[in-house]
Amino acid sequence: MTINKLLFTFCFCTLTIISCRHNENNIYEKPIKELSVGQINYKLYEKTFGTNVSKDGSQLDTSSGYFLIINLGITNKTNQSINFDTSMYRLTSSRGNVFNFSDNQNEILKYIDTSLNQLEILPNTTKHGFIVFNIPSIDNYILEVNNGSWTNKKNSFEIKSLE
């Protein structure tokens, strides 16, 4: 096993442990980055590149490339519920390639405690969780987020591979 594979496996084990106990340890106190899109506030807490996701001793390997797992907090500051799904997020590589959620998202969800796919955020509440993308290589990426419509407001996070 190469050093890179060992490092990625370690990162995913760490991510799994953190995700299982985030309520106990308050890891959501200090985001890495924060931005707003209208009255929706996004906080980026963690991003991890790796070749697998694991939970409770079982593991799912990517068939090719890598997983990019992003830990976000989303606050709805409006007076209406907002339904979030995969269309709320768009990932673009430094080369301009656009990536959607992982092809096997339903399988991945078995390994992640809280997904930010297909959920409703009530007015004036915050949800924390993960989004997962299949990517071909470790690179710098831009994660675009919106306020419920791509024809409306949007903003973006830089996801740097060596940050």
Protein backbone atom coordinates (compact mmCIF):
# COMPACT_ATOMS: atom_id res chain seq x y z
CA MET A 1 0.00 0.00 0.00
CA THR A 2 1.43 3.39 -0.97
CA ILE A 3 1.88 6.31 1.40
CA ASN A 4 -0.96 8.16 -0.39
CA LYS A 5 -3.35 5.25 0.11
CA LEU A 6 -2.38 5.01 3.78
CA LEU A 7 -2.89 8.75 4.24
CA PHE A 8 -6.31 8.64 2.56
CA THR A 9 -7.39 5.65 4.63
CA PHE A 10 -6.29 7.44 7.81
CA CYS A 11 -8.19 10.60 6.78
CA PHE A 12 -11.37 8.62 6.18
CA CYS A 13 -11.08 6.75 9.46
CA THR A 14 -10.63 10.10 11.18
CA LEU A 15 -13.62 11.53 9.30
CA THR A 16 -15.75 8.57 10.32
CA ILE A 17 -14.82 8.95 13.97
CA ILE A 18 -15.45 12.69 13.92
CA SER A 19 -18.78 12.33 12.13
CA CYS A 20 -19.98 9.76 14.65
CA ARG A 21 -19.27 11.98 17.62
CA HIS A 22 -19.67 15.53 16.32
CA ASN A 23 -22.46 16.31 18.77
CA GLU A 24 -20.26 15.29 21.72
CA ASN A 25 -17.19 17.29 20.75
CA ASN A 26 -18.69 20.41 19.20
CA ILE A 27 -16.52 20.35 16.05
CA TYR A 28 -19.04 22.76 14.53
CA GLU A 29 -17.76 25.71 16.55
CA LYS A 30 -15.06 26.91 14.12
CA PRO A 31 -15.70 26.63 10.38
CA ILE A 32 -12.81 26.73 7.93
CA LYS A 33 -14.79 29.06 5.67
CA GLU A 34 -18.18 30.73 5.74
CA LEU A 35 -20.33 32.46 3.13
CA SER A 36 -23.91 33.53 2.50
CA VAL A 37 -26.18 33.27 -0.49
CA GLY A 38 -29.09 35.57 0.17
CA GLN A 39 -30.51 34.42 3.49
CA ILE A 40 -28.83 30.99 3.37
CA ASN A 41 -25.60 30.73 5.36
CA TYR A 42 -23.09 27.99 4.49
CA LYS A 43 -20.20 26.94 6.76
CA LEU A 44 -17.44 24.64 5.54
CA TYR A 45 -16.07 22.58 8.43
CA GLU A 46 -13.98 19.92 6.76
CA LYS A 47 -13.09 18.38 3.39
CA THR A 48 -11.45 15.03 2.85
CA PHE A 49 -10.07 13.34 -0.26
CA GLY A 50 -9.88 9.55 -0.22
CA THR A 51 -10.47 6.24 -1.94
CA ASN A 52 -13.05 4.83 0.47
CA VAL A 53 -15.64 5.60 3.12
CA SER A 54 -16.00 3.44 6.18
CA LYS A 55 -18.23 3.02 9.19
CA ASP A 56 -18.53 0.39 11.92
CA GLY A 57 -15.79 -1.77 10.42
CA SER A 58 -17.22 -1.97 6.89
CA GLN A 59 -15.91 -0.02 3.94
CA LEU A 60 -16.95 1.15 0.46
CA ASP A 61 -14.15 1.70 -2.07
CA THR A 62 -14.50 3.99 -5.05
CA SER A 63 -14.39 2.10 -8.35
CA SER A 64 -12.16 4.77 -9.86
CA GLY A 65 -10.61 8.04 -8.77
CA TYR A 66 -11.40 9.45 -5.35
CA PHE A 67 -14.20 10.58 -3.11
CA LEU A 68 -14.35 14.19 -1.99
CA ILE A 69 -16.35 14.39 1.24
CA ILE A 70 -17.36 17.87 2.35
CA ASN A 71 -18.72 18.62 5.83
CA LEU A 72 -21.09 21.61 5.77
CA GLY A 73 -23.47 23.47 8.02
CA ILE A 74 -26.41 25.19 6.33
CA THR A 75 -28.57 27.80 8.06
CA ASN A 76 -31.90 28.86 6.63
CA LYS A 77 -32.46 32.46 7.76
CA THR A 78 -35.70 32.82 5.82
CA ASN A 79 -39.27 32.46 7.08
CA GLN A 80 -39.96 29.50 4.75
CA SER A 81 -38.73 25.90 4.62
CA ILE A 82 -36.16 25.13 1.95
CA ASN A 83 -35.75 21.69 0.37
CA PHE A 84 -32.14 20.79 -0.40
CA ASP A 85 -31.13 18.20 -2.96
CA THR A 86 -28.19 17.51 -5.24
CA SER A 87 -29.06 20.50 -7.44
CA MET A 88 -28.05 22.85 -4.59
CA TYR A 89 -24.36 22.01 -5.08
CA ARG A 90 -22.05 22.07 -8.10
CA LEU A 91 -18.38 21.05 -8.01
CA THR A 92 -15.96 22.31 -10.68
CA SER A 93 -12.30 21.34 -11.04
CA SER A 94 -9.48 23.78 -11.73
CA ARG A 95 -9.65 22.49 -15.32
CA GLY A 96 -13.31 23.48 -15.67
CA ASN A 97 -14.83 19.98 -15.41
CA VAL A 98 -18.18 19.86 -13.60
CA PHE A 99 -18.94 16.99 -11.20
CA ASN A 100 -22.24 15.88 -9.77
CA PHE A 101 -22.87 13.94 -6.60
CA SER A 102 -21.31 10.52 -6.47
CA ASP A 103 -22.91 7.98 -8.83
CA ASN A 104 -23.42 5.56 -5.96
CA GLN A 105 -24.73 8.19 -3.53
CA ASN A 106 -27.35 5.85 -2.05
CA GLU A 107 -24.66 3.29 -1.21
CA ILE A 108 -22.38 5.97 0.25
CA LEU A 109 -25.16 7.24 2.51
CA LYS A 110 -24.94 3.97 4.45
CA TYR A 111 -21.44 5.01 5.54
CA ILE A 112 -22.14 8.65 6.41
CA ASP A 113 -24.08 9.69 9.47
CA THR A 114 -25.79 12.76 8.03
CA SER A 115 -26.17 13.58 4.35
CA LEU A 116 -27.18 17.01 3.08
CA ASN A 117 -28.93 15.43 0.13
CA GLN A 118 -32.74 15.39 0.03
CA LEU A 119 -33.53 17.25 3.23
CA GLU A 120 -35.76 20.05 4.39
CA ILE A 121 -34.37 22.90 6.46
CA LEU A 122 -37.02 24.66 8.47
CA PRO A 123 -37.01 28.47 8.87
CA ASN A 124 -34.31 29.82 11.18
CA THR A 125 -32.65 26.44 11.73
CA THR A 126 -29.28 24.88 10.90
CA LYS A 127 -28.48 21.40 9.56
CA HIS A 128 -25.02 19.83 9.57
CA GLY A 129 -23.90 16.99 7.36
CA PHE A 130 -21.90 15.73 4.42
CA ILE A 131 -21.99 15.84 0.63
CA VAL A 132 -19.91 13.39 -1.43
CA PHE A 133 -18.53 13.66 -4.96
CA ASN A 134 -16.66 11.15 -7.13
CA ILE A 135 -13.66 12.91 -8.62
CA PRO A 136 -10.96 11.62 -10.97
CA SER A 137 -7.99 13.15 -9.16
CA ILE A 138 -6.91 15.18 -6.18
CA ASP A 139 -7.04 18.74 -7.42
CA ASN A 140 -8.29 22.16 -6.45
CA TYR A 141 -12.06 22.49 -6.80
CA ILE A 142 -14.77 25.11 -6.56
CA LEU A 143 -17.96 24.15 -4.72
CA GLU A 144 -20.83 26.36 -5.86
CA VAL A 145 -23.84 26.66 -3.59
CA ASN A 146 -27.08 28.50 -4.20
CA ASN A 147 -30.20 29.74 -2.46
CA GLY A 148 -32.57 27.24 -4.01
CA SER A 149 -32.37 28.17 -7.68
CA TRP A 150 -29.41 28.32 -10.09
CA THR A 151 -31.13 31.20 -11.87
CA ASN A 152 -30.97 33.20 -8.67
CA LYS A 153 -28.09 33.88 -6.27
CA LYS A 154 -25.01 31.69 -5.83
CA ASN A 155 -21.60 31.78 -4.17
CA SER A 156 -18.65 29.40 -3.95
CA PHE A 157 -16.00 27.84 -1.73
CA GLU A 158 -12.48 27.06 -2.90
CA ILE A 159 -11.63 23.48 -1.97
CA LYS A 160 -7.85 23.26 -2.11
CA SER A 161 -6.19 19.86 -2.17
CA LEU A 162 -3.27 20.91 0.03
CA GLU A 163 -5.06 23.09 2.55
